Amino acid sequence: MSHLKRLLNTRAGSAPTALDYGVVELSDLIHDFPEATAVMQRCLKTTIAKYEPRLKNVQVRSVDGEEPREAMAFVFEITGQVIYPNGERHPVRFTTSVDPSSNVQIA
């Protein structure tokens, strides 16, 4: 989870050794509404699949924010399986919100 927080709070283009490490800046999507949700969803899934190899079968789906503070945020559910070195697989589920400042919270 800590690596996902770092990964999803890094802006694409800011890591000199891997320019696609991180996610797009939310302000870059402002002109893509209402498609911005789908664009961010694909970006999250692609980035996690590429840069978090311990997480397999990644799925990202948009969910409506239930709390008032989430009204101005994109809220996603990320599910997948963590693969341990001994081969064990354990399902995981995270709720992720992306606020207008592109800050990502993961719970």
PDB file of N, CA and C in Angstrom:
ATOM      1  N   MET A   1       0.818  -1.185   0.000  1.00  0.00           N
ATOM      2  CA  MET A   1       0.000   0.000   0.000  1.00  0.00           C
ATOM      3  C   MET A   1       0.871   1.261   0.000  1.00  0.00           C
ATOM      4  N   SER A   2       1.984   1.217   0.716  1.00  0.00           N
ATOM      5  CA  SER A   2       2.845   2.406   0.741  1.00  0.00           C
ATOM      6  C   SER A   2       3.430   2.693  -0.642  1.00  0.00           C
ATOM      7  N   HIS A   3       3.774   1.640  -1.397  1.00  0.00           N
ATOM      8  CA  HIS A   3       4.287   1.872  -2.744  1.00  0.00           C
ATOM      9  C   HIS A   3       3.191   2.421  -3.646  1.00  0.00           C
ATOM     10  N   LEU A   4       1.969   1.933  -3.516  1.00  0.00           N
ATOM     11  CA  LEU A   4       0.865   2.468  -4.306  1.00  0.00           C
ATOM     12  C   LEU A   4       0.666   3.955  -4.009  1.00  0.00           C
ATOM     13  N   LYS A   5       0.764   4.354  -2.754  1.00  0.00           N
ATOM     14  CA  LYS A   5       0.630   5.767  -2.398  1.00  0.00           C
ATOM     15  C   LYS A   5       1.692   6.608  -3.095  1.00  0.00           C
ATOM     16  N   ARG A   6       2.937   6.132  -3.051  1.00  0.00           N
ATOM     17  CA  ARG A   6       4.019   6.876  -3.715  1.00  0.00           C
ATOM     18  C   ARG A   6       3.802   6.908  -5.224  1.00  0.00           C
ATOM     19  N   LEU A   7       3.472   5.766  -5.792  1.00  0.00           N
ATOM     20  CA  LEU A   7       3.273   5.660  -7.238  1.00  0.00           C
ATOM     21  C   LEU A   7       2.151   6.577  -7.710  1.00  0.00           C
ATOM     22  N   LEU A   8       1.009   6.524  -7.041  1.00  0.00           N
ATOM     23  CA  LEU A   8      -0.149   7.286  -7.495  1.00  0.00           C
ATOM     24  C   LEU A   8      -0.098   8.760  -7.116  1.00  0.00           C
ATOM     25  N   ASN A   9       0.837   9.155  -6.260  1.00  0.00           N
ATOM     26  CA  ASN A   9       1.026  10.566  -5.937  1.00  0.00           C
ATOM     27  C   ASN A   9       2.201  11.173  -6.680  1.00  0.00           C
ATOM     28  N   THR A  10       2.756  10.424  -7.616  1.00  0.00           N
ATOM     29  CA  THR A  10       3.829  10.930  -8.474  1.00  0.00           C
ATOM     30  C   THR A  10       3.204  11.319  -9.806  1.00  0.00           C
ATOM     31  N   ARG A  11       3.551  12.477 -10.307  1.00  0.00           N
ATOM     32  CA  ARG A  11       3.034  12.923 -11.600  1.00  0.00           C
ATOM     33  C   ARG A  11       3.864  12.334 -12.721  1.00  0.00           C
ATOM     34  N   ALA A  12       3.201  11.804 -13.729  1.00  0.00           N
ATOM     35  CA  ALA A  12       3.890  11.267 -14.906  1.00  0.00           C
ATOM     36  C   ALA A  12       4.799  12.357 -15.476  1.00  0.00           C
ATOM     37  N   GLY A  13       6.016  11.968 -15.794  1.00  0.00           N
ATOM     38  CA  GLY A  13       6.992  12.908 -16.335  1.00  0.00           C
ATOM     39  C   GLY A  13       7.933  13.494 -15.300  1.00  0.00           C
ATOM     40  N   SER A  14       7.685  13.228 -14.022  1.00  0.00           N
ATOM     41  CA  SER A  14       8.538  13.828 -12.990  1.00  0.00           C
ATOM     42  C   SER A  14       9.666  12.914 -12.527  1.00  0.00           C
ATOM     43  N   ALA A  15       9.650  11.653 -12.915  1.00  0.00           N
ATOM     44  CA  ALA A  15      10.734  10.727 -12.554  1.00  0.00           C
ATOM     45  C   ALA A  15      11.674  10.613 -13.757  1.00  0.00           C
ATOM     46  N   PRO A  16      12.874  11.161 -13.665  1.00  0.00           N
ATOM     47  CA  PRO A  16      13.777  11.221 -14.817  1.00  0.00           C
ATOM     48  C   PRO A  16      14.138   9.861 -15.418  1.00  0.00           C
ATOM     49  N   THR A  17      14.129   8.814 -14.625  1.00  0.00           N
ATOM     50  CA  THR A  17      14.522   7.506 -15.152  1.00  0.00           C
ATOM     51  C   THR A  17      13.369   6.738 -15.786  1.00  0.00           C
ATOM     52  N   ALA A  18      12.136   7.141 -15.522  1.00  0.00           N
ATOM     53  CA  ALA A  18      10.956   6.497 -16.111  1.00  0.00           C
ATOM     54  C   ALA A  18       9.881   7.567 -16.271  1.00  0.00           C
ATOM     55  N   LEU A  19       9.829   8.171 -17.441  1.00  0.00           N
ATOM     56  CA  LEU A  19       8.934   9.306 -17.643  1.00  0.00           C
ATOM     57  C   LEU A  19       7.454   8.957 -17.519  1.00  0.00           C
ATOM     58  N   ASP A  20       7.107   7.676 -17.656  1.00  0.00           N
ATOM     59  CA  ASP A  20       5.700   7.299 -17.514  1.00  0.00           C
ATOM     60  C   ASP A  20       5.370   6.788 -16.109  1.00  0.00           C
ATOM     61  N   TYR A  21       6.325   6.873 -15.178  1.00  0.00           N
ATOM     62  CA  TYR A  21       6.079   6.475 -13.789  1.00  0.00           C
ATOM     63  C   TYR A  21       5.158   7.511 -13.156  1.00  0.00           C
ATOM     64  N   GLY A  22       4.051   7.077 -12.595  1.00  0.00           N
ATOM     65  CA  GLY A  22       3.091   7.973 -11.961  1.00  0.00           C
ATOM     66  C   GLY A  22       1.843   8.121 -12.795  1.00  0.00           C
ATOM     67  N   VAL A  23       1.001   9.068 -12.402  1.00  0.00           N
ATOM     68  CA  VAL A  23      -0.274   9.276 -13.087  1.00  0.00           C
ATOM     69  C   VAL A  23      -0.357  10.690 -13.641  1.00  0.00           C
ATOM     70  N   VAL A  24      -1.306  10.879 -14.538  1.00  0.00           N
ATOM     71  CA  VAL A  24      -1.485  12.185 -15.159  1.00  0.00           C
ATOM     72  C   VAL A  24      -1.975  13.193 -14.131  1.00  0.00           C
ATOM     73  N   GLU A  25      -1.676  14.426 -14.368  1.00  0.00           N
ATOM     74  CA  GLU A  25      -2.150  15.524 -13.531  1.00  0.00           C
ATOM     75  C   GLU A  25      -3.637  15.722 -13.824  1.00  0.00           C
ATOM     76  N   LEU A  26      -4.433  15.780 -12.788  1.00  0.00           N
ATOM     77  CA  LEU A  26      -5.872  15.924 -12.956  1.00  0.00           C
ATOM     78  C   LEU A  26      -6.219  17.173 -13.756  1.00  0.00           C
ATOM     79  N   SER A  27      -5.472  18.234 -13.561  1.00  0.00           N
ATOM     80  CA  SER A  27      -5.748  19.471 -14.301  1.00  0.00           C
ATOM     81  C   SER A  27      -5.540  19.283 -15.807  1.00  0.00           C
ATOM     82  N   ASP A  28      -4.734  18.298 -16.200  1.00  0.00           N
ATOM     83  CA  ASP A  28      -4.547  18.000 -17.621  1.00  0.00           C
ATOM     84  C   ASP A  28      -5.794  17.372 -18.237  1.00  0.00           C
ATOM     85  N   LEU A  29      -6.680  16.859 -17.395  1.00  0.00           N
ATOM     86  CA  LEU A  29      -7.889  16.190 -17.876  1.00  0.00           C
ATOM     87  C   LEU A  29      -9.114  17.090 -17.860  1.00  0.00           C
ATOM     88  N   ILE A  30      -8.967  18.316 -17.397  1.00  0.00           N
ATOM     89  CA  ILE A  30     -10.114  19.191 -17.199  1.00  0.00           C
ATOM     90  C   ILE A  30     -10.927  19.368 -18.482  1.00  0.00           C
ATOM     91  N   HIS A  31     -10.285  19.343 -19.610  1.00  0.00           N
ATOM     92  CA  HIS A  31     -10.984  19.532 -20.884  1.00  0.00           C
ATOM     93  C   HIS A  31     -11.599  18.234 -21.398  1.00  0.00           C
ATOM     94  N   ASP A  32     -11.347  17.125 -20.704  1.00  0.00           N
ATOM     95  CA  ASP A  32     -11.848  15.830 -21.148  1.00  0.00           C
ATOM     96  C   ASP A  32     -13.151  15.412 -20.470  1.00  0.00           C
ATOM     97  N   PHE A  33     -13.751  16.290 -19.661  1.00  0.00           N
ATOM     98  CA  PHE A  33     -15.006  15.926 -19.012  1.00  0.00           C
ATOM     99  C   PHE A  33     -16.085  15.753 -20.053  1.00  0.00           C
ATOM    100  N   PRO A  34     -16.940  14.757 -19.951  1.00  0.00           N
ATOM    101  CA  PRO A  34     -17.102  13.808 -18.846  1.00  0.00           C
ATOM    102  C   PRO A  34     -16.238  12.554 -18.976  1.00  0.00           C
ATOM    103  N   GLU A  35     -15.423  12.472 -20.018  1.00  0.00           N
ATOM    104  CA  GLU A  35     -14.587  11.288 -20.220  1.00  0.00           C
ATOM    105  C   GLU A  35     -13.407  11.218 -19.268  1.00  0.00           C
ATOM    106  N   ALA A  36     -13.169  12.255 -18.486  1.00  0.00           N
ATOM    107  CA  ALA A  36     -12.007  12.305 -17.597  1.00  0.00           C
ATOM    108  C   ALA A  36     -11.991  11.158 -16.599  1.00  0.00           C
ATOM    109  N   THR A  37     -13.153  10.737 -16.127  1.00  0.00           N
ATOM    110  CA  THR A  37     -13.207   9.625 -15.173  1.00  0.00           C
ATOM    111  C   THR A  37     -12.659   8.360 -15.807  1.00  0.00           C
ATOM    112  N   ALA A  38     -13.074   8.062 -17.021  1.00  0.00           N
ATOM    113  CA  ALA A  38     -12.593   6.859 -17.715  1.00  0.00           C
ATOM    114  C   ALA A  38     -11.103   6.971 -18.024  1.00  0.00           C
ATOM    115  N   VAL A  39     -10.645   8.151 -18.369  1.00  0.00           N
ATOM    116  CA  VAL A  39      -9.217   8.358 -18.653  1.00  0.00           C
ATOM    117  C   VAL A  39      -8.400   8.108 -17.392  1.00  0.00           C
ATOM    118  N   MET A  40      -8.836   8.674 -16.256  1.00  0.00           N
ATOM    119  CA  MET A  40      -8.113   8.469 -14.999  1.00  0.00           C
ATOM    120  C   MET A  40      -8.158   7.002 -14.583  1.00  0.00           C
ATOM    121  N   GLN A  41      -9.281   6.356 -14.783  1.00  0.00           N
ATOM    122  CA  GLN A  41      -9.425   4.932 -14.446  1.00  0.00           C
ATOM    123  C   GLN A  41      -8.423   4.094 -15.232  1.00  0.00           C
ATOM    124  N   ARG A  42      -8.328   4.318 -16.524  1.00  0.00           N
ATOM    125  CA  ARG A  42      -7.359   3.582 -17.361  1.00  0.00           C
ATOM    126  C   ARG A  42      -5.935   3.896 -16.947  1.00  0.00           C
ATOM    127  N   CYS A  43      -5.663   5.154 -16.634  1.00  0.00           N
ATOM    128  CA  CYS A  43      -4.319   5.558 -16.210  1.00  0.00           C
ATOM    129  C   CYS A  43      -3.911   4.835 -14.929  1.00  0.00           C
ATOM    130  N   LEU A  44      -4.801   4.789 -13.955  1.00  0.00           N
ATOM    131  CA  LEU A  44      -4.505   4.088 -12.703  1.00  0.00           C
ATOM    132  C   LEU A  44      -4.207   2.622 -12.959  1.00  0.00           C
ATOM    133  N   LYS A  45      -5.055   1.980 -13.743  1.00  0.00           N
ATOM    134  CA  LYS A  45      -4.884   0.538 -14.005  1.00  0.00           C
ATOM    135  C   LYS A  45      -3.570   0.271 -14.742  1.00  0.00           C
ATOM    136  N   THR A  46      -3.293   1.038 -15.762  1.00  0.00           N
ATOM    137  CA  THR A  46      -2.065   0.843 -16.550  1.00  0.00           C
ATOM    138  C   THR A  46      -0.816   1.080 -15.706  1.00  0.00           C
ATOM    139  N   THR A  47      -0.826   2.135 -14.916  1.00  0.00           N
ATOM    140  CA  THR A  47       0.328   2.473 -14.081  1.00  0.00           C
ATOM    141  C   THR A  47       0.578   1.412 -13.021  1.00  0.00           C
ATOM    142  N   ILE A  48      -0.483   0.957 -12.361  1.00  0.00           N
ATOM    143  CA  ILE A  48      -0.329  -0.077 -11.332  1.00  0.00           C
ATOM    144  C   ILE A  48       0.167  -1.375 -11.960  1.00  0.00           C
ATOM    145  N   ALA A  49      -0.411  -1.758 -13.085  1.00  0.00           N
ATOM    146  CA  ALA A  49       0.001  -3.003 -13.748  1.00  0.00           C
ATOM    147  C   ALA A  49       1.475  -2.966 -14.139  1.00  0.00           C
ATOM    148  N   LYS A  50       1.963  -1.800 -14.550  1.00  0.00           N
ATOM    149  CA  LYS A  50       3.355  -1.697 -14.994  1.00  0.00           C
ATOM    150  C   LYS A  50       4.344  -1.573 -13.846  1.00  0.00           C
ATOM    151  N   TYR A  51       3.994  -0.801 -12.814  1.00  0.00           N
ATOM    152  CA  TYR A  51       4.975  -0.470 -11.792  1.00  0.00           C
ATOM    153  C   TYR A  51       4.751  -1.108 -10.424  1.00  0.00           C
ATOM    154  N   GLU A  52       3.750  -1.955 -10.291  1.00  0.00           N
ATOM    155  CA  GLU A  52       3.568  -2.694  -9.036  1.00  0.00           C
ATOM    156  C   GLU A  52       3.381  -4.170  -9.375  1.00  0.00           C
ATOM    157  N   PRO A  53       4.501  -4.863  -9.653  1.00  0.00           N
ATOM    158  CA  PRO A  53       4.429  -6.258 -10.116  1.00  0.00           C
ATOM    159  C   PRO A  53       3.900  -7.235  -9.067  1.00  0.00           C
ATOM    160  N   ARG A  54       3.866  -6.841  -7.815  1.00  0.00           N
ATOM    161  CA  ARG A  54       3.332  -7.746  -6.784  1.00  0.00           C
ATOM    162  C   ARG A  54       1.816  -7.811  -6.814  1.00  0.00           C
ATOM    163  N   LEU A  55       1.185  -6.905  -7.522  1.00  0.00           N
ATOM    164  CA  LEU A  55      -0.272  -6.854  -7.592  1.00  0.00           C
ATOM    165  C   LEU A  55      -0.710  -7.342  -8.970  1.00  0.00           C
ATOM    166  N   LYS A  56      -1.465  -8.426  -8.994  1.00  0.00           N
ATOM    167  CA  LYS A  56      -1.927  -9.041 -10.253  1.00  0.00           C
ATOM    168  C   LYS A  56      -3.430  -8.910 -10.371  1.00  0.00           C
ATOM    169  N   ASN A  57      -3.920  -9.110 -11.588  1.00  0.00           N
ATOM    170  CA  ASN A  57      -5.352  -9.063 -11.891  1.00  0.00           C
ATOM    171  C   ASN A  57      -5.973  -7.751 -11.399  1.00  0.00           C
ATOM    172  N   VAL A  58      -5.291  -6.662 -11.681  1.00  0.00           N
ATOM    173  CA  VAL A  58      -5.728  -5.343 -11.223  1.00  0.00           C
ATOM    174  C   VAL A  58      -6.998  -4.926 -11.963  1.00  0.00           C
ATOM    175  N   GLN A  59      -7.969  -4.487 -11.189  1.00  0.00           N
ATOM    176  CA  GLN A  59      -9.191  -3.911 -11.731  1.00  0.00           C
ATOM    177  C   GLN A  59      -9.410  -2.569 -11.047  1.00  0.00           C
ATOM    178  N   VAL A  60      -9.821  -1.585 -11.803  1.00  0.00           N
ATOM    179  CA  VAL A  60     -10.111  -0.263 -11.261  1.00  0.00           C
ATOM    180  C   VAL A  60     -11.503   0.116 -11.739  1.00  0.00           C
ATOM    181  N   ARG A  61     -12.370   0.471 -10.789  1.00  0.00           N
ATOM    182  CA  ARG A  61     -13.712   0.906 -11.180  1.00  0.00           C
ATOM    183  C   ARG A  61     -14.045   2.196 -10.455  1.00  0.00           C
ATOM    184  N   SER A  62     -14.756   3.047 -11.147  1.00  0.00           N
ATOM    185  CA  SER A  62     -15.177   4.316 -10.581  1.00  0.00           C
ATOM    186  C   SER A  62     -16.366   4.083  -9.651  1.00  0.00           C
ATOM    187  N   VAL A  63     -16.351   4.753  -8.514  1.00  0.00           N
ATOM    188  CA  VAL A  63     -17.485   4.688  -7.585  1.00  0.00           C
ATOM    189  C   VAL A  63     -17.857   6.110  -7.193  1.00  0.00           C
ATOM    190  N   ASP A  64     -19.113   6.309  -6.856  1.00  0.00           N
ATOM    191  CA  ASP A  64     -19.561   7.626  -6.413  1.00  0.00           C
ATOM    192  C   ASP A  64     -19.094   7.868  -4.998  1.00  0.00           C
ATOM    193  N   GLY A  65     -18.579   9.054  -4.734  1.00  0.00           N
ATOM    194  CA  GLY A  65     -18.204   9.418  -3.370  1.00  0.00           C
ATOM    195  C   GLY A  65     -19.443   9.508  -2.496  1.00  0.00           C
ATOM    196  N   GLU A  66     -19.368   8.921  -1.327  1.00  0.00           N
ATOM    197  CA  GLU A  66     -20.514   8.929  -0.423  1.00  0.00           C
ATOM    198  C   GLU A  66     -20.435  10.054   0.589  1.00  0.00           C
ATOM    199  N   GLU A  67     -19.250  10.564   0.847  1.00  0.00           N
ATOM    200  CA  GLU A  67     -19.082  11.624   1.830  1.00  0.00           C
ATOM    201  C   GLU A  67     -19.008  12.964   1.118  1.00  0.00           C
ATOM    202  N   PRO A  68     -19.494  14.028   1.743  1.00  0.00           N
ATOM    203  CA  PRO A  68     -19.462  15.348   1.107  1.00  0.00           C
ATOM    204  C   PRO A  68     -18.071  15.779   0.659  1.00  0.00           C
ATOM    205  N   ARG A  69     -17.029  15.414   1.403  1.00  0.00           N
ATOM    206  CA  ARG A  69     -15.669  15.832   1.017  1.00  0.00           C
ATOM    207  C   ARG A  69     -15.235  15.183  -0.287  1.00  0.00           C
ATOM    208  N   GLU A  70     -15.908  14.101  -0.683  1.00  0.00           N
ATOM    209  CA  GLU A  70     -15.547  13.410  -1.917  1.00  0.00           C
ATOM    210  C   GLU A  70     -16.318  13.925  -3.125  1.00  0.00           C
ATOM    211  N   ALA A  71     -17.208  14.906  -2.915  1.00  0.00           N
ATOM    212  CA  ALA A  71     -18.037  15.397  -4.014  1.00  0.00           C
ATOM    213  C   ALA A  71     -17.198  15.976  -5.144  1.00  0.00           C
ATOM    214  N   MET A  72     -16.059  16.553  -4.830  1.00  0.00           N
ATOM    215  CA  MET A  72     -15.199  17.148  -5.846  1.00  0.00           C
ATOM    216  C   MET A  72     -13.988  16.268  -6.139  1.00  0.00           C
ATOM    217  N   ALA A  73     -14.126  14.967  -5.919  1.00  0.00           N
ATOM    218  CA  ALA A  73     -13.003  14.058  -6.130  1.00  0.00           C
ATOM    219  C   ALA A  73     -13.438  12.903  -7.010  1.00  0.00           C
ATOM    220  N   PHE A  74     -12.466  12.326  -7.691  1.00  0.00           N
ATOM    221  CA  PHE A  74     -12.682  11.055  -8.368  1.00  0.00           C
ATOM    222  C   PHE A  74     -12.483   9.981  -7.315  1.00  0.00           C
ATOM    223  N   VAL A  75     -13.380   9.041  -7.229  1.00  0.00           N
ATOM    224  CA  VAL A  75     -13.241   7.954  -6.265  1.00  0.00           C
ATOM    225  C   VAL A  75     -13.239   6.641  -7.041  1.00  0.00           C
ATOM    226  N   PHE A  76     -12.223   5.813  -6.756  1.00  0.00           N
ATOM    227  CA  PHE A  76     -12.071   4.540  -7.449  1.00  0.00           C
ATOM    228  C   PHE A  76     -11.881   3.413  -6.448  1.00  0.00           C
ATOM    229  N   GLU A  77     -12.297   2.242  -6.843  1.00  0.00           N
ATOM    230  CA  GLU A  77     -12.000   1.033  -6.078  1.00  0.00           C
ATOM    231  C   GLU A  77     -10.981   0.240  -6.897  1.00  0.00           C
ATOM    232  N   ILE A  78      -9.880  -0.093  -6.260  1.00  0.00           N
ATOM    233  CA  ILE A  78      -8.826  -0.881  -6.901  1.00  0.00           C
ATOM    234  C   ILE A  78      -8.832  -2.249  -6.247  1.00  0.00           C
ATOM    235  N   THR A  79      -8.957  -3.289  -7.056  1.00  0.00           N
ATOM    236  CA  THR A  79      -8.917  -4.654  -6.538  1.00  0.00           C
ATOM    237  C   THR A  79      -7.856  -5.437  -7.301  1.00  0.00           C
ATOM    238  N   GLY A  80      -7.402  -6.498  -6.682  1.00  0.00           N
ATOM    239  CA  GLY A  80      -6.413  -7.364  -7.308  1.00  0.00           C
ATOM    240  C   GLY A  80      -5.973  -8.431  -6.332  1.00  0.00           C
ATOM    241  N   GLN A  81      -4.883  -9.070  -6.666  1.00  0.00           N
ATOM    242  CA  GLN A  81      -4.304 -10.097  -5.807  1.00  0.00           C
ATOM    243  C   GLN A  81      -2.842  -9.780  -5.575  1.00  0.00           C
ATOM    244  N   VAL A  82      -2.432  -9.842  -4.310  1.00  0.00           N
ATOM    245  CA  VAL A  82      -1.022  -9.700  -3.978  1.00  0.00           C
ATOM    246  C   VAL A  82      -0.386 -11.075  -4.105  1.00  0.00           C
ATOM    247  N   ILE A  83       0.727 -11.133  -4.823  1.00  0.00           N
ATOM    248  CA  ILE A  83       1.458 -12.370  -5.005  1.00  0.00           C
ATOM    249  C   ILE A  83       2.691 -12.332  -4.109  1.00  0.00           C
ATOM    250  N   TYR A  84       2.763 -13.255  -3.184  1.00  0.00           N
ATOM    251  CA  TYR A  84       3.902 -13.329  -2.268  1.00  0.00           C
ATOM    252  C   TYR A  84       5.006 -14.196  -2.881  1.00  0.00           C
ATOM    253  N   PRO A  85       6.255 -14.026  -2.426  1.00  0.00           N
ATOM    254  CA  PRO A  85       7.367 -14.803  -2.989  1.00  0.00           C
ATOM    255  C   PRO A  85       7.158 -16.316  -2.942  1.00  0.00           C
ATOM    256  N   ASN A  86       6.401 -16.810  -1.969  1.00  0.00           N
ATOM    257  CA  ASN A  86       6.163 -18.251  -1.892  1.00  0.00           C
ATOM    258  C   ASN A  86       5.029 -18.703  -2.807  1.00  0.00           C
ATOM    259  N   GLY A  87       4.473 -17.763  -3.595  1.00  0.00           N
ATOM    260  CA  GLY A  87       3.418 -18.113  -4.538  1.00  0.00           C
ATOM    261  C   GLY A  87       2.008 -17.905  -4.014  1.00  0.00           C
ATOM    262  N   GLU A  88       1.869 -17.634  -2.734  1.00  0.00           N
ATOM    263  CA  GLU A  88       0.531 -17.412  -2.177  1.00  0.00           C
ATOM    264  C   GLU A  88      -0.083 -16.157  -2.784  1.00  0.00           C
ATOM    265  N   ARG A  89      -1.407 -16.211  -2.976  1.00  0.00           N
ATOM    266  CA  ARG A  89      -2.152 -15.069  -3.498  1.00  0.00           C
ATOM    267  C   ARG A  89      -3.197 -14.658  -2.479  1.00  0.00           C
ATOM    268  N   HIS A  90      -3.292 -13.366  -2.245  1.00  0.00           N
ATOM    269  CA  HIS A  90      -4.287 -12.838  -1.313  1.00  0.00           C
ATOM    270  C   HIS A  90      -5.012 -11.671  -1.980  1.00  0.00           C
ATOM    271  N   PRO A  91      -6.339 -11.687  -1.942  1.00  0.00           N
ATOM    272  CA  PRO A  91      -7.084 -10.580  -2.553  1.00  0.00           C
ATOM    273  C   PRO A  91      -6.921  -9.297  -1.747  1.00  0.00           C
ATOM    274  N   VAL A  92      -6.901  -8.174  -2.458  1.00  0.00           N
ATOM    275  CA  VAL A  92      -6.825  -6.869  -1.820  1.00  0.00           C
ATOM    276  C   VAL A  92      -7.852  -5.937  -2.469  1.00  0.00           C
ATOM    277  N   ARG A  93      -8.279  -4.958  -1.682  1.00  0.00           N
ATOM    278  CA  ARG A  93      -9.200  -3.945  -2.200  1.00  0.00           C
ATOM    279  C   ARG A  93      -8.861  -2.620  -1.530  1.00  0.00           C
ATOM    280  N   PHE A  94      -8.698  -1.603  -2.345  1.00  0.00           N
ATOM    281  CA  PHE A  94      -8.384  -0.269  -1.853  1.00  0.00           C
ATOM    282  C   PHE A  94      -9.416   0.708  -2.390  1.00  0.00           C
ATOM    283  N   THR A  95      -9.758   1.693  -1.591  1.00  0.00           N
ATOM    284  CA  THR A  95     -10.557   2.808  -2.077  1.00  0.00           C
ATOM    285  C   THR A  95      -9.604   3.974  -2.254  1.00  0.00           C
ATOM    286  N   THR A  96      -9.643   4.562  -3.421  1.00  0.00           N
ATOM    287  CA  THR A  96      -8.723   5.618  -3.780  1.00  0.00           C
ATOM    288  C   THR A  96      -9.504   6.845  -4.209  1.00  0.00           C
ATOM    289  N   SER A  97      -9.169   7.991  -3.675  1.00  0.00           N
ATOM    290  CA  SER A  97      -9.802   9.227  -4.141  1.00  0.00           C
ATOM    291  C   SER A  97      -8.719  10.173  -4.646  1.00  0.00           C
ATOM    292  N   VAL A  98      -9.061  10.846  -5.742  1.00  0.00           N
ATOM    293  CA  VAL A  98      -8.159  11.815  -6.351  1.00  0.00           C
ATOM    294  C   VAL A  98      -8.864  13.164  -6.276  1.00  0.00           C
ATOM    295  N   ASP A  99      -8.294  14.078  -5.492  1.00  0.00           N
ATOM    296  CA  ASP A  99      -8.948  15.379  -5.314  1.00  0.00           C
ATOM    297  C   ASP A  99      -8.549  16.344  -6.436  1.00  0.00           C
ATOM    298  N   PRO A 100      -9.179  17.517  -6.499  1.00  0.00           N
ATOM    299  CA  PRO A 100      -8.873  18.468  -7.585  1.00  0.00           C
ATOM    300  C   PRO A 100      -7.409  18.899  -7.650  1.00  0.00           C
ATOM    301  N   SER A 101      -6.653  18.751  -6.561  1.00  0.00           N
ATOM    302  CA  SER A 101      -5.226  19.078  -6.564  1.00  0.00           C
ATOM    303  C   SER A 101      -4.373  17.902  -6.996  1.00  0.00           C
ATOM    304  N   SER A 102      -5.015  16.800  -7.417  1.00  0.00           N
ATOM    305  CA  SER A 102      -4.360  15.563  -7.844  1.00  0.00           C
ATOM    306  C   SER A 102      -3.702  14.805  -6.709  1.00  0.00           C
ATOM    307  N   ASN A 103      -4.078  15.103  -5.477  1.00  0.00           N
ATOM    308  CA  ASN A 103      -3.591  14.317  -4.347  1.00  0.00           C
ATOM    309  C   ASN A 103      -4.402  13.034  -4.274  1.00  0.00           C
ATOM    310  N   VAL A 104      -3.709  11.932  -4.075  1.00  0.00           N
ATOM    311  CA  VAL A 104      -4.360  10.623  -4.037  1.00  0.00           C
ATOM    312  C   VAL A 104      -4.338  10.099  -2.613  1.00  0.00           C
ATOM    313  N   GLN A 105      -5.507   9.727  -2.131  1.00  0.00           N
ATOM    314  CA  GLN A 105      -5.641   9.079  -0.820  1.00  0.00           C
ATOM    315  C   GLN A 105      -6.013   7.626  -1.062  1.00  0.00           C
ATOM    316  N   ILE A 106      -5.402   6.720  -0.305  1.00  0.00           N
ATOM    317  CA  ILE A 106      -5.694   5.292  -0.429  1.00  0.00           C
ATOM    318  C   ILE A 106      -6.058   4.759   0.951  1.00  0.00           C
ATOM    319  N   ALA A 107      -7.150   4.041   1.008  1.00  0.00           N
ATOM    320  CA  ALA A 107      -7.564   3.416   2.265  1.00  0.00           C
ATOM    321  C   ALA A 107      -7.887   1.952   2.004  1.00  0.00           C
TER     322      ALA A 107
END
